[in-house]
N, C-alpha and C. Protein backbone atom coordinates (compact mmCIF):
# COMPACT_ATOMS: atom_id res chain seq x y z
N MET A 1 21.61 4.11 20.80
CA MET A 1 20.78 4.71 19.77
C MET A 1 21.21 4.18 18.41
N ASN A 2 20.25 3.70 17.65
CA ASN A 2 20.54 3.20 16.31
C ASN A 2 20.31 4.31 15.30
N ILE A 3 21.27 4.49 14.45
CA ILE A 3 21.12 5.47 13.38
C ILE A 3 20.83 4.71 12.10
N VAL A 4 19.72 5.04 11.49
CA VAL A 4 19.32 4.37 10.27
C VAL A 4 19.75 5.23 9.10
N GLY A 5 20.44 4.65 8.18
CA GLY A 5 20.89 5.38 7.01
C GLY A 5 20.53 4.65 5.74
N TYR A 6 20.75 5.28 4.64
CA TYR A 6 20.48 4.69 3.34
C TYR A 6 21.80 4.26 2.72
N ALA A 7 21.90 2.99 2.37
CA ALA A 7 23.09 2.49 1.69
C ALA A 7 23.13 2.99 0.25
N ASP A 8 21.94 3.19 -0.32
CA ASP A 8 21.85 3.60 -1.71
C ASP A 8 21.24 5.00 -1.78
N ILE A 9 22.03 5.96 -2.17
CA ILE A 9 21.58 7.37 -2.22
C ILE A 9 20.43 7.54 -3.20
N ARG A 10 20.38 6.71 -4.23
CA ARG A 10 19.27 6.79 -5.20
C ARG A 10 17.95 6.39 -4.56
N ARG A 11 17.99 5.39 -3.69
CA ARG A 11 16.78 4.96 -2.99
C ARG A 11 16.27 6.07 -2.07
N ARG A 12 17.18 6.75 -1.40
CA ARG A 12 16.79 7.86 -0.53
C ARG A 12 16.14 8.98 -1.34
N ALA A 13 16.72 9.30 -2.48
CA ALA A 13 16.16 10.35 -3.33
C ALA A 13 14.76 9.97 -3.81
N LEU A 14 14.57 8.70 -4.18
CA LEU A 14 13.26 8.23 -4.61
C LEU A 14 12.25 8.32 -3.47
N ASP A 15 12.64 7.89 -2.28
CA ASP A 15 11.74 7.96 -1.12
C ASP A 15 11.32 9.40 -0.83
N GLN A 16 12.26 10.32 -0.90
CA GLN A 16 11.94 11.72 -0.65
C GLN A 16 11.03 12.28 -1.74
N MET A 17 11.27 11.89 -2.98
CA MET A 17 10.43 12.37 -4.06
C MET A 17 8.99 11.87 -3.90
N LEU A 18 8.84 10.60 -3.55
CA LEU A 18 7.50 10.04 -3.37
C LEU A 18 6.80 10.62 -2.15
N ALA A 19 7.55 10.89 -1.10
CA ALA A 19 6.96 11.39 0.14
C ALA A 19 6.31 12.75 -0.03
N ARG A 20 6.78 13.55 -0.97
CA ARG A 20 6.22 14.89 -1.13
C ARG A 20 4.79 14.85 -1.69
N ASP A 21 4.38 13.72 -2.26
CA ASP A 21 3.03 13.60 -2.81
C ASP A 21 2.05 12.96 -1.83
N MET A 22 2.48 12.67 -0.63
CA MET A 22 1.62 11.99 0.33
C MET A 22 0.60 12.97 0.94
N VAL A 23 -0.53 12.41 1.33
CA VAL A 23 -1.63 13.22 1.86
C VAL A 23 -2.16 12.61 3.15
N ARG A 24 -2.93 13.41 3.87
CA ARG A 24 -3.64 12.96 5.05
C ARG A 24 -5.12 13.19 4.82
N LEU A 25 -5.95 12.55 5.61
CA LEU A 25 -7.40 12.73 5.52
C LEU A 25 -7.87 13.40 6.81
N ARG A 26 -8.50 14.58 6.65
CA ARG A 26 -8.92 15.37 7.80
C ARG A 26 -10.41 15.65 7.74
N ASN A 27 -11.06 15.60 8.88
CA ASN A 27 -12.46 15.98 8.99
C ASN A 27 -12.50 17.50 9.16
N PRO A 28 -13.03 18.25 8.18
CA PRO A 28 -12.99 19.70 8.26
C PRO A 28 -13.84 20.28 9.39
N GLU A 29 -14.84 19.53 9.83
CA GLU A 29 -15.71 20.03 10.90
C GLU A 29 -15.05 19.94 12.27
N THR A 30 -14.31 18.87 12.51
CA THR A 30 -13.72 18.67 13.84
C THR A 30 -12.22 18.93 13.87
N GLY A 31 -11.57 18.92 12.71
CA GLY A 31 -10.12 19.07 12.66
C GLY A 31 -9.37 17.78 12.96
N GLU A 32 -10.10 16.68 13.17
CA GLU A 32 -9.46 15.40 13.45
C GLU A 32 -8.99 14.75 12.15
N TYR A 33 -7.97 13.91 12.29
CA TYR A 33 -7.43 13.16 11.16
C TYR A 33 -7.86 11.71 11.26
N LEU A 34 -7.92 11.04 10.11
CA LEU A 34 -8.18 9.61 10.10
C LEU A 34 -7.02 8.90 10.78
N HIS A 35 -7.33 7.94 11.64
CA HIS A 35 -6.30 7.18 12.35
C HIS A 35 -5.50 6.35 11.35
N ALA A 36 -4.27 6.05 11.68
CA ALA A 36 -3.38 5.28 10.80
C ALA A 36 -3.95 3.91 10.44
N SER A 37 -4.81 3.37 11.30
CA SER A 37 -5.41 2.06 11.03
C SER A 37 -6.47 2.13 9.94
N GLY A 38 -6.92 3.34 9.62
CA GLY A 38 -7.98 3.51 8.63
C GLY A 38 -9.36 3.57 9.24
N THR A 39 -9.45 3.40 10.55
CA THR A 39 -10.73 3.52 11.26
C THR A 39 -10.54 4.42 12.46
N GLY A 40 -11.55 5.22 12.75
CA GLY A 40 -11.45 6.13 13.88
C GLY A 40 -10.69 7.39 13.52
N THR A 41 -10.62 8.30 14.48
CA THR A 41 -9.95 9.57 14.24
C THR A 41 -9.02 9.90 15.40
N VAL A 42 -8.09 10.80 15.13
CA VAL A 42 -7.14 11.26 16.14
C VAL A 42 -6.92 12.76 15.97
N PHE A 43 -6.60 13.42 17.07
CA PHE A 43 -6.16 14.81 16.99
C PHE A 43 -4.66 14.80 16.80
N GLY A 44 -4.15 15.61 15.93
CA GLY A 44 -2.71 15.64 15.67
C GLY A 44 -2.33 14.62 14.61
N ILE A 45 -1.08 14.72 14.18
CA ILE A 45 -0.63 13.90 13.06
C ILE A 45 0.19 12.69 13.47
N ASP A 46 0.53 12.56 14.74
CA ASP A 46 1.41 11.47 15.16
C ASP A 46 0.90 10.09 14.77
N TRP A 47 -0.39 9.85 14.93
CA TRP A 47 -0.97 8.53 14.62
C TRP A 47 -1.98 8.63 13.48
N SER A 48 -1.85 9.67 12.67
CA SER A 48 -2.81 9.84 11.58
C SER A 48 -2.39 9.05 10.34
N TRP A 49 -3.39 8.75 9.53
CA TRP A 49 -3.17 8.02 8.28
C TRP A 49 -2.36 8.89 7.34
N LEU A 50 -1.44 8.29 6.60
CA LEU A 50 -0.62 8.99 5.62
C LEU A 50 -0.49 8.08 4.41
N GLY A 51 -0.88 8.58 3.26
CA GLY A 51 -0.81 7.76 2.06
C GLY A 51 -0.90 8.61 0.81
N PHE A 52 -1.13 7.96 -0.31
CA PHE A 52 -1.24 8.65 -1.58
C PHE A 52 -2.70 8.88 -1.93
N ARG A 53 -2.95 9.77 -2.86
CA ARG A 53 -4.33 10.11 -3.25
C ARG A 53 -5.12 8.88 -3.71
N ARG A 54 -4.48 8.00 -4.45
CA ARG A 54 -5.20 6.81 -4.94
C ARG A 54 -5.61 5.91 -3.76
N GLN A 55 -4.79 5.87 -2.72
CA GLN A 55 -5.14 5.10 -1.53
C GLN A 55 -6.29 5.77 -0.78
N ALA A 56 -6.26 7.09 -0.72
CA ALA A 56 -7.35 7.83 -0.07
C ALA A 56 -8.66 7.59 -0.80
N GLU A 57 -8.59 7.58 -2.12
CA GLU A 57 -9.80 7.32 -2.92
C GLU A 57 -10.32 5.91 -2.68
N ALA A 58 -9.41 4.95 -2.54
CA ALA A 58 -9.83 3.57 -2.27
C ALA A 58 -10.52 3.47 -0.91
N LEU A 59 -10.01 4.18 0.08
CA LEU A 59 -10.66 4.21 1.40
C LEU A 59 -12.04 4.84 1.31
N ARG A 60 -12.14 5.92 0.54
CA ARG A 60 -13.43 6.60 0.38
C ARG A 60 -14.44 5.67 -0.28
N GLN A 61 -14.03 4.99 -1.35
CA GLN A 61 -14.94 4.08 -2.06
C GLN A 61 -15.37 2.93 -1.16
N ALA A 62 -14.44 2.39 -0.37
CA ALA A 62 -14.78 1.29 0.53
C ALA A 62 -15.78 1.74 1.59
N THR A 63 -15.59 2.94 2.10
CA THR A 63 -16.50 3.47 3.11
C THR A 63 -17.89 3.69 2.53
N LEU A 64 -17.95 4.29 1.35
CA LEU A 64 -19.24 4.54 0.70
C LEU A 64 -19.94 3.25 0.31
N SER A 65 -19.18 2.22 -0.05
CA SER A 65 -19.80 0.94 -0.43
C SER A 65 -20.46 0.26 0.77
N ARG A 66 -20.03 0.63 1.98
CA ARG A 66 -20.66 0.11 3.20
C ARG A 66 -21.80 1.01 3.67
N ASN A 67 -22.16 1.98 2.83
CA ASN A 67 -23.22 2.96 3.14
C ASN A 67 -22.92 3.76 4.40
N GLU A 68 -21.65 4.03 4.62
CA GLU A 68 -21.23 4.87 5.74
C GLU A 68 -20.87 6.25 5.18
N PRO A 69 -21.07 7.30 5.98
CA PRO A 69 -20.75 8.65 5.48
C PRO A 69 -19.24 8.87 5.38
N TRP A 70 -18.82 9.60 4.38
CA TRP A 70 -17.42 9.97 4.21
C TRP A 70 -17.29 11.43 4.58
N VAL A 71 -16.57 11.72 5.65
CA VAL A 71 -16.51 13.08 6.17
C VAL A 71 -15.14 13.73 5.97
N PHE A 72 -14.21 13.03 5.34
CA PHE A 72 -12.84 13.52 5.26
C PHE A 72 -12.55 14.26 3.96
N ILE A 73 -11.61 15.18 4.06
CA ILE A 73 -11.07 15.85 2.88
C ILE A 73 -9.59 15.52 2.80
N ILE A 74 -9.06 15.59 1.62
CA ILE A 74 -7.63 15.34 1.42
C ILE A 74 -6.87 16.62 1.70
N VAL A 75 -5.84 16.51 2.52
CA VAL A 75 -4.93 17.64 2.75
C VAL A 75 -3.51 17.15 2.53
N HIS A 76 -2.70 17.99 1.93
CA HIS A 76 -1.30 17.62 1.72
C HIS A 76 -0.64 17.39 3.06
N ARG A 77 0.31 16.52 3.12
CA ARG A 77 0.95 16.18 4.40
C ARG A 77 1.52 17.39 5.12
N ASP A 78 1.86 18.45 4.40
CA ASP A 78 2.41 19.66 5.02
C ASP A 78 1.34 20.70 5.35
N GLU A 79 0.10 20.46 4.96
CA GLU A 79 -0.97 21.43 5.20
C GLU A 79 -1.70 21.13 6.49
N ASN A 80 -1.06 21.36 7.60
CA ASN A 80 -1.73 21.25 8.88
C ASN A 80 -1.08 22.22 9.85
N GLU A 81 -1.75 22.54 10.89
CA GLU A 81 -1.29 23.58 11.82
C GLU A 81 0.02 23.22 12.50
N GLU A 82 0.20 21.96 12.85
CA GLU A 82 1.42 21.56 13.54
C GLU A 82 2.64 21.81 12.67
N ILE A 83 2.58 21.41 11.42
CA ILE A 83 3.71 21.60 10.51
C ILE A 83 3.92 23.09 10.25
N ALA A 84 2.84 23.82 10.05
CA ALA A 84 2.96 25.26 9.81
C ALA A 84 3.60 25.96 11.01
N ASN A 85 3.21 25.56 12.22
CA ASN A 85 3.80 26.16 13.42
C ASN A 85 5.28 25.83 13.54
N LEU A 86 5.63 24.58 13.27
CA LEU A 86 7.04 24.20 13.32
C LEU A 86 7.85 24.95 12.28
N ARG A 87 7.29 25.09 11.08
CA ARG A 87 7.99 25.79 10.00
C ARG A 87 8.23 27.25 10.37
N SER A 88 7.20 27.92 10.90
CA SER A 88 7.36 29.33 11.26
C SER A 88 8.34 29.49 12.43
N GLN A 89 8.31 28.55 13.38
CA GLN A 89 9.25 28.59 14.50
C GLN A 89 10.67 28.43 13.99
N PHE A 90 10.88 27.51 13.09
CA PHE A 90 12.21 27.27 12.51
C PHE A 90 12.69 28.51 11.78
N GLU A 91 11.82 29.11 10.97
CA GLU A 91 12.21 30.29 10.21
C GLU A 91 12.54 31.46 11.13
N THR A 92 11.82 31.57 12.24
CA THR A 92 12.07 32.64 13.21
C THR A 92 13.43 32.45 13.88
N GLU A 93 13.70 31.21 14.29
CA GLU A 93 14.94 30.91 14.99
C GLU A 93 16.17 30.98 14.08
N CYS A 94 15.99 30.55 12.83
CA CYS A 94 17.14 30.46 11.91
C CYS A 94 17.28 31.66 11.00
N GLY A 95 16.33 32.57 11.09
CA GLY A 95 16.42 33.78 10.30
C GLY A 95 15.97 33.60 8.93
């Protein structure tokens, strides 16, 4: 098993700070997320797209420029049922 670590603690802090602003794109009607490839959808977050708001807007503009419907809404990376369930389970177990 390889353990990946950060040689520079400042880089780790920057990565964590930037990660908190990341979002996912979810179809509110079906609950599916945009696939990581930017095309298609998936249930669950394992293979879902994850990026910043400006990237989500660029995807939306590209889709609309092709006269295709845009069905996704922006949700914060922590605003999904799987994360909420894990968080509540952790809080229950750890008090």
